[in-house]
């Protein structure tokens, strides 16, 4: 998505907020189907419930897809 320099390709981090947990899950699945890597989605409580769907693209760019709604 955003290739970093060849010396340090993992120097970029992007956060994408989705309206719902289902949208976050679908976007993560779409990135993984396109060649990214990602851990299983997780639900956490940080003042509000948050759904985290992390992804790392083939260039090492870390994408944090999340939703403040877990439903």
PDB file of N, CA and C in Angstrom:
ATOM      1  N   UNK A   1       0.824  -1.201   0.000  1.00  0.00           N
ATOM      2  CA  UNK A   1       0.000   0.000   0.000  1.00  0.00           C
ATOM      3  C   UNK A   1       0.864   1.260   0.000  1.00  0.00           C
ATOM      4  N   UNK A   2       1.799   1.345   0.970  1.00  0.00           N
ATOM      5  CA  UNK A   2       2.725   2.471   1.047  1.00  0.00           C
ATOM      6  C   UNK A   2       4.132   1.922   1.198  1.00  0.00           C
ATOM      7  N   UNK A   3       4.806   1.568   0.099  1.00  0.00           N
ATOM      8  CA  UNK A   3       6.141   1.010   0.261  1.00  0.00           C
ATOM      9  C   UNK A   3       7.079   2.022   0.923  1.00  0.00           C
ATOM     10  N   UNK A   4       7.761   1.596   1.976  1.00  0.00           N
ATOM     11  CA  UNK A   4       8.745   2.455   2.626  1.00  0.00           C
ATOM     12  C   UNK A   4      10.040   2.398   1.840  1.00  0.00           C
ATOM     13  N   UNK A   5      11.087   2.919   2.417  1.00  0.00           N
ATOM     14  CA  UNK A   5      12.371   2.850   1.739  1.00  0.00           C
ATOM     15  C   UNK A   5      12.865   1.413   1.774  1.00  0.00           C
ATOM     16  N   UNK A   6      13.755   1.053   0.878  1.00  0.00           N
ATOM     17  CA  UNK A   6      14.296  -0.304   0.854  1.00  0.00           C
ATOM     18  C   UNK A   6      15.065  -0.606   2.135  1.00  0.00           C
ATOM     19  N   UNK A   7      15.662   0.404   2.734  1.00  0.00           N
ATOM     20  CA  UNK A   7      16.433   0.192   3.948  1.00  0.00           C
ATOM     21  C   UNK A   7      15.531  -0.064   5.152  1.00  0.00           C
ATOM     22  N   UNK A   8      14.335   0.498   5.137  1.00  0.00           N
ATOM     23  CA  UNK A   8      13.439   0.358   6.283  1.00  0.00           C
ATOM     24  C   UNK A   8      11.988   0.313   5.808  1.00  0.00           C
ATOM     25  N   UNK A   9      11.553  -0.822   5.247  1.00  0.00           N
ATOM     26  CA  UNK A   9      10.195  -0.876   4.701  1.00  0.00           C
ATOM     27  C   UNK A   9       9.104  -0.857   5.756  1.00  0.00           C
ATOM     28  N   UNK A  10       9.411  -1.138   7.010  1.00  0.00           N
ATOM     29  CA  UNK A  10       8.386  -1.190   8.034  1.00  0.00           C
ATOM     30  C   UNK A  10       8.251   0.094   8.824  1.00  0.00           C
ATOM     31  N   UNK A  11       8.597   1.220   8.243  1.00  0.00           N
ATOM     32  CA  UNK A  11       8.589   2.471   8.992  1.00  0.00           C
ATOM     33  C   UNK A  11       7.275   3.243   8.863  1.00  0.00           C
ATOM     34  N   UNK A  12       6.225   2.597   8.378  1.00  0.00           N
ATOM     35  CA  UNK A  12       4.951   3.256   8.170  1.00  0.00           C
ATOM     36  C   UNK A  12       3.867   2.463   8.888  1.00  0.00           C
ATOM     37  N   UNK A  13       2.968   3.180   9.565  1.00  0.00           N
ATOM     38  CA  UNK A  13       1.837   2.546  10.225  1.00  0.00           C
ATOM     39  C   UNK A  13       0.585   3.336   9.874  1.00  0.00           C
ATOM     40  N   UNK A  14      -0.505   2.642   9.559  1.00  0.00           N
ATOM     41  CA  UNK A  14      -1.747   3.278   9.146  1.00  0.00           C
ATOM     42  C   UNK A  14      -2.884   2.716   9.978  1.00  0.00           C
ATOM     43  N   UNK A  15      -3.768   3.596  10.445  1.00  0.00           N
ATOM     44  CA  UNK A  15      -4.955   3.162  11.168  1.00  0.00           C
ATOM     45  C   UNK A  15      -6.186   3.473  10.325  1.00  0.00           C
ATOM     46  N   UNK A  16      -7.103   2.499  10.246  1.00  0.00           N
ATOM     47  CA  UNK A  16      -8.334   2.661   9.472  1.00  0.00           C
ATOM     48  C   UNK A  16      -9.502   2.318  10.389  1.00  0.00           C
ATOM     49  N   UNK A  17     -10.348   3.306  10.658  1.00  0.00           N
ATOM     50  CA  UNK A  17     -11.504   3.067  11.522  1.00  0.00           C
ATOM     51  C   UNK A  17     -12.726   2.746  10.661  1.00  0.00           C
ATOM     52  N   UNK A  18     -13.379   1.646  10.993  1.00  0.00           N
ATOM     53  CA  UNK A  18     -14.578   1.209  10.282  1.00  0.00           C
ATOM     54  C   UNK A  18     -15.806   1.449  11.169  1.00  0.00           C
ATOM     55  N   UNK A  19     -16.987   1.458  10.554  1.00  0.00           N
ATOM     56  CA  UNK A  19     -18.217   1.705  11.301  1.00  0.00           C
ATOM     57  C   UNK A  19     -18.633   0.541  12.183  1.00  0.00           C
ATOM     58  N   UNK A  20     -18.306  -0.678  11.779  1.00  0.00           N
ATOM     59  CA  UNK A  20     -18.732  -1.848  12.549  1.00  0.00           C
ATOM     60  C   UNK A  20     -17.630  -2.899  12.567  1.00  0.00           C
ATOM     61  N   UNK A  21     -17.748  -3.822  13.511  1.00  0.00           N
ATOM     62  CA  UNK A  21     -16.792  -4.924  13.605  1.00  0.00           C
ATOM     63  C   UNK A  21     -16.846  -5.783  12.350  1.00  0.00           C
ATOM     64  N   UNK A  22     -18.033  -5.972  11.796  1.00  0.00           N
ATOM     65  CA  UNK A  22     -18.172  -6.780  10.587  1.00  0.00           C
ATOM     66  C   UNK A  22     -17.429  -6.147   9.418  1.00  0.00           C
ATOM     67  N   UNK A  23     -17.523  -4.820   9.278  1.00  0.00           N
ATOM     68  CA  UNK A  23     -16.785  -4.131   8.212  1.00  0.00           C
ATOM     69  C   UNK A  23     -15.281  -4.270   8.419  1.00  0.00           C
ATOM     70  N   UNK A  24     -14.836  -4.149   9.664  1.00  0.00           N
ATOM     71  CA  UNK A  24     -13.403  -4.291   9.959  1.00  0.00           C
ATOM     72  C   UNK A  24     -12.928  -5.697   9.598  1.00  0.00           C
ATOM     73  N   UNK A  25     -13.711  -6.710   9.963  1.00  0.00           N
ATOM     74  CA  UNK A  25     -13.366  -8.099   9.628  1.00  0.00           C
ATOM     75  C   UNK A  25     -13.295  -8.301   8.121  1.00  0.00           C
ATOM     76  N   UNK A  26     -14.268  -7.745   7.388  1.00  0.00           N
ATOM     77  CA  UNK A  26     -14.284  -7.907   5.919  1.00  0.00           C
ATOM     78  C   UNK A  26     -13.088  -7.228   5.262  1.00  0.00           C
ATOM     79  N   UNK A  27     -12.744  -6.022   5.735  1.00  0.00           N
ATOM     80  CA  UNK A  27     -11.606  -5.317   5.144  1.00  0.00           C
ATOM     81  C   UNK A  27     -10.311  -6.074   5.423  1.00  0.00           C
ATOM     82  N   UNK A  28     -10.146  -6.580   6.632  1.00  0.00           N
ATOM     83  CA  UNK A  28      -8.955  -7.374   6.944  1.00  0.00           C
ATOM     84  C   UNK A  28      -8.888  -8.596   6.035  1.00  0.00           C
ATOM     85  N   UNK A  29     -10.003  -9.294   5.877  1.00  0.00           N
ATOM     86  CA  UNK A  29     -10.035 -10.488   5.017  1.00  0.00           C
ATOM     87  C   UNK A  29      -9.679 -10.133   3.577  1.00  0.00           C
ATOM     88  N   UNK A  30     -10.130  -8.983   3.109  1.00  0.00           N
ATOM     89  CA  UNK A  30      -9.820  -8.545   1.742  1.00  0.00           C
ATOM     90  C   UNK A  30      -8.327  -8.310   1.574  1.00  0.00           C
ATOM     91  N   UNK A  31      -7.695  -7.643   2.553  1.00  0.00           N
ATOM     92  CA  UNK A  31      -6.243  -7.427   2.491  1.00  0.00           C
ATOM     93  C   UNK A  31      -5.496  -8.753   2.515  1.00  0.00           C
ATOM     94  N   UNK A  32      -5.921  -9.686   3.362  1.00  0.00           N
ATOM     95  CA  UNK A  32      -5.249 -10.982   3.454  1.00  0.00           C
ATOM     96  C   UNK A  32      -5.394 -11.761   2.156  1.00  0.00           C
ATOM     97  N   UNK A  33      -6.574 -11.717   1.545  1.00  0.00           N
ATOM     98  CA  UNK A  33      -6.776 -12.382   0.255  1.00  0.00           C
ATOM     99  C   UNK A  33      -5.891 -11.785  -0.829  1.00  0.00           C
ATOM    100  N   UNK A  34      -5.526 -10.509  -0.677  1.00  0.00           N
ATOM    101  CA  UNK A  34      -4.679  -9.829  -1.663  1.00  0.00           C
ATOM    102  C   UNK A  34      -3.190 -10.016  -1.385  1.00  0.00           C
ATOM    103  N   UNK A  35      -2.828 -10.771  -0.328  1.00  0.00           N
ATOM    104  CA  UNK A  35      -1.421 -11.065  -0.086  1.00  0.00           C
ATOM    105  C   UNK A  35      -0.847 -10.536   1.214  1.00  0.00           C
ATOM    106  N   UNK A  36      -1.639  -9.848   2.013  1.00  0.00           N
ATOM    107  CA  UNK A  36      -1.151  -9.352   3.302  1.00  0.00           C
ATOM    108  C   UNK A  36      -1.180 -10.481   4.336  1.00  0.00           C
ATOM    109  N   UNK A  37      -0.553 -10.232   5.483  1.00  0.00           N
ATOM    110  CA  UNK A  37      -0.602 -11.160   6.617  1.00  0.00           C
ATOM    111  C   UNK A  37      -1.385 -10.474   7.721  1.00  0.00           C
ATOM    112  N   UNK A  38      -2.070 -11.282   8.544  1.00  0.00           N
ATOM    113  CA  UNK A  38      -2.809 -10.673   9.637  1.00  0.00           C
ATOM    114  C   UNK A  38      -3.118 -11.666  10.738  1.00  0.00           C
ATOM    115  N   UNK A  39      -3.080 -11.163  11.958  1.00  0.00           N
ATOM    116  CA  UNK A  39      -3.465 -11.975  13.114  1.00  0.00           C
ATOM    117  C   UNK A  39      -4.986 -12.033  13.190  1.00  0.00           C
ATOM    118  N   UNK A  40      -5.480 -12.974  13.953  1.00  0.00           N
ATOM    119  CA  UNK A  40      -6.923 -13.081  14.143  1.00  0.00           C
ATOM    120  C   UNK A  40      -7.452 -11.800  14.778  1.00  0.00           C
ATOM    121  N   UNK A  41      -8.654 -11.370  14.376  1.00  0.00           N
ATOM    122  CA  UNK A  41      -9.254 -10.196  15.012  1.00  0.00           C
ATOM    123  C   UNK A  41      -9.396 -10.421  16.520  1.00  0.00           C
ATOM    124  N   UNK A  42      -9.314  -9.334  17.273  1.00  0.00           N
ATOM    125  CA  UNK A  42      -9.457  -9.444  18.725  1.00  0.00           C
ATOM    126  C   UNK A  42     -10.335  -8.314  19.242  1.00  0.00           C
ATOM    127  N   UNK A  43     -11.039  -8.603  20.323  1.00  0.00           N
ATOM    128  CA  UNK A  43     -11.882  -7.613  20.982  1.00  0.00           C
ATOM    129  C   UNK A  43     -11.216  -7.213  22.288  1.00  0.00           C
ATOM    130  N   UNK A  44     -11.146  -5.906  22.518  1.00  0.00           N
ATOM    131  CA  UNK A  44     -10.561  -5.392  23.748  1.00  0.00           C
ATOM    132  C   UNK A  44     -11.456  -4.289  24.295  1.00  0.00           C
ATOM    133  N   UNK A  45     -11.300  -4.008  25.558  1.00  0.00           N
ATOM    134  CA  UNK A  45     -12.045  -2.916  26.175  1.00  0.00           C
ATOM    135  C   UNK A  45     -11.058  -1.863  26.627  1.00  0.00           C
ATOM    136  N   UNK A  46     -11.121  -0.692  26.009  1.00  0.00           N
ATOM    137  CA  UNK A  46     -10.272   0.455  26.360  1.00  0.00           C
ATOM    138  C   UNK A  46     -11.189   1.671  26.435  1.00  0.00           C
ATOM    139  N   UNK A  47     -11.799   1.895  27.539  1.00  0.00           N
ATOM    140  CA  UNK A  47     -12.831   2.913  27.727  1.00  0.00           C
ATOM    141  C   UNK A  47     -14.103   2.542  26.974  1.00  0.00           C
ATOM    142  N   UNK A  48     -13.973   1.974  25.800  1.00  0.00           N
ATOM    143  CA  UNK A  48     -15.069   1.479  24.973  1.00  0.00           C
ATOM    144  C   UNK A  48     -14.640   0.147  24.370  1.00  0.00           C
ATOM    145  N   UNK A  49     -15.600  -0.689  23.976  1.00  0.00           N
ATOM    146  CA  UNK A  49     -15.225  -1.925  23.266  1.00  0.00           C
ATOM    147  C   UNK A  49     -14.614  -1.590  21.901  1.00  0.00           C
ATOM    148  N   UNK A  50     -13.510  -2.247  21.583  1.00  0.00           N
ATOM    149  CA  UNK A  50     -12.827  -2.012  20.304  1.00  0.00           C
ATOM    150  C   UNK A  50     -12.536  -3.358  19.655  1.00  0.00           C
ATOM    151  N   UNK A  51     -12.765  -3.443  18.353  1.00  0.00           N
ATOM    152  CA  UNK A  51     -12.426  -4.629  17.561  1.00  0.00           C
ATOM    153  C   UNK A  51     -11.162  -4.300  16.790  1.00  0.00           C
ATOM    154  N   UNK A  52     -10.084  -5.059  17.001  1.00  0.00           N
ATOM    155  CA  UNK A  52      -8.812  -4.847  16.307  1.00  0.00           C
ATOM    156  C   UNK A  52      -8.624  -5.925  15.248  1.00  0.00           C
ATOM    157  N   UNK A  53      -8.243  -5.516  14.041  1.00  0.00           N
ATOM    158  CA  UNK A  53      -7.982  -6.433  12.924  1.00  0.00           C
ATOM    159  C   UNK A  53      -6.663  -6.015  12.270  1.00  0.00           C
ATOM    160  N   UNK A  54      -5.521  -6.410  12.838  1.00  0.00           N
ATOM    161  CA  UNK A  54      -4.228  -5.970  12.311  1.00  0.00           C
ATOM    162  C   UNK A  54      -3.855  -6.675  11.007  1.00  0.00           C
ATOM    163  N   UNK A  55      -3.143  -5.946  10.160  1.00  0.00           N
ATOM    164  CA  UNK A  55      -2.685  -6.468   8.872  1.00  0.00           C
ATOM    165  C   UNK A  55      -1.293  -5.903   8.592  1.00  0.00           C
ATOM    166  N   UNK A  56      -0.442  -6.699   7.968  1.00  0.00           N
ATOM    167  CA  UNK A  56       0.849  -6.226   7.468  1.00  0.00           C
ATOM    168  C   UNK A  56       0.901  -6.532   5.987  1.00  0.00           C
ATOM    169  N   UNK A  57       1.087  -5.489   5.166  1.00  0.00           N
ATOM    170  CA  UNK A  57       1.109  -5.716   3.721  1.00  0.00           C
ATOM    171  C   UNK A  57       2.454  -6.311   3.300  1.00  0.00           C
ATOM    172  N   UNK A  58       2.581  -6.738   2.047  1.00  0.00           N
ATOM    173  CA  UNK A  58       3.822  -7.378   1.595  1.00  0.00           C
ATOM    174  C   UNK A  58       5.075  -6.497   1.709  1.00  0.00           C
ATOM    175  N   UNK A  59       4.903  -5.173   1.831  1.00  0.00           N
ATOM    176  CA  UNK A  59       6.045  -4.260   1.954  1.00  0.00           C
ATOM    177  C   UNK A  59       6.431  -4.022   3.405  1.00  0.00           C
ATOM    178  N   UNK A  60       5.667  -4.576   4.352  1.00  0.00           N
ATOM    179  CA  UNK A  60       5.945  -4.375   5.765  1.00  0.00           C
ATOM    180  C   UNK A  60       5.147  -3.261   6.405  1.00  0.00           C
ATOM    181  N   UNK A  61       4.244  -2.642   5.646  1.00  0.00           N
ATOM    182  CA  UNK A  61       3.405  -1.579   6.195  1.00  0.00           C
ATOM    183  C   UNK A  61       2.387  -2.183   7.150  1.00  0.00           C
ATOM    184  N   UNK A  62       2.330  -1.665   8.360  1.00  0.00           N
ATOM    185  CA  UNK A  62       1.375  -2.153   9.342  1.00  0.00           C
ATOM    186  C   UNK A  62       0.082  -1.357   9.239  1.00  0.00           C
ATOM    187  N   UNK A  63      -1.017  -2.077   9.083  1.00  0.00           N
ATOM    188  CA  UNK A  63      -2.337  -1.468   9.023  1.00  0.00           C
ATOM    189  C   UNK A  63      -3.125  -1.948  10.230  1.00  0.00           C
ATOM    190  N   UNK A  64      -3.679  -1.027  10.989  1.00  0.00           N
ATOM    191  CA  UNK A  64      -4.535  -1.400  12.100  1.00  0.00           C
ATOM    192  C   UNK A  64      -5.954  -1.025  11.717  1.00  0.00           C
ATOM    193  N   UNK A  65      -6.739  -2.011  11.368  1.00  0.00           N
ATOM    194  CA  UNK A  65      -8.144  -1.807  11.053  1.00  0.00           C
ATOM    195  C   UNK A  65      -8.895  -2.021  12.354  1.00  0.00           C
ATOM    196  N   UNK A  66      -9.755  -1.082  12.719  1.00  0.00           N
ATOM    197  CA  UNK A  66     -10.456  -1.226  13.989  1.00  0.00           C
ATOM    198  C   UNK A  66     -11.851  -0.609  13.912  1.00  0.00           C
ATOM    199  N   UNK A  67     -12.659  -0.993  14.881  1.00  0.00           N
ATOM    200  CA  UNK A  67     -13.998  -0.466  15.012  1.00  0.00           C
ATOM    201  C   UNK A  67     -14.268  -0.261  16.491  1.00  0.00           C
ATOM    202  N   UNK A  68     -14.965   0.813  16.821  1.00  0.00           N
ATOM    203  CA  UNK A  68     -15.322   1.065  18.205  1.00  0.00           C
ATOM    204  C   UNK A  68     -16.563   0.276  18.594  1.00  0.00           C
ATOM    205  N   UNK A  69     -17.142  -0.420  17.647  1.00  0.00           N
ATOM    206  CA  UNK A  69     -18.302  -1.272  17.910  1.00  0.00           C
ATOM    207  C   UNK A  69     -17.916  -2.709  17.665  1.00  0.00           C
ATOM    208  N   UNK A  70     -18.243  -3.603  18.589  1.00  0.00           N
ATOM    209  CA  UNK A  70     -17.912  -5.008  18.419  1.00  0.00           C
ATOM    210  C   UNK A  70     -19.067  -5.806  17.839  1.00  0.00           C
ATOM    211  N   UNK A  71     -20.162  -5.147  17.546  1.00  0.00           N
ATOM    212  CA  UNK A  71     -21.327  -5.873  17.003  1.00  0.00           C
ATOM    213  C   UNK A  71     -21.562  -5.497  15.579  1.00  0.00           C
TER     214      UNK A  71
END
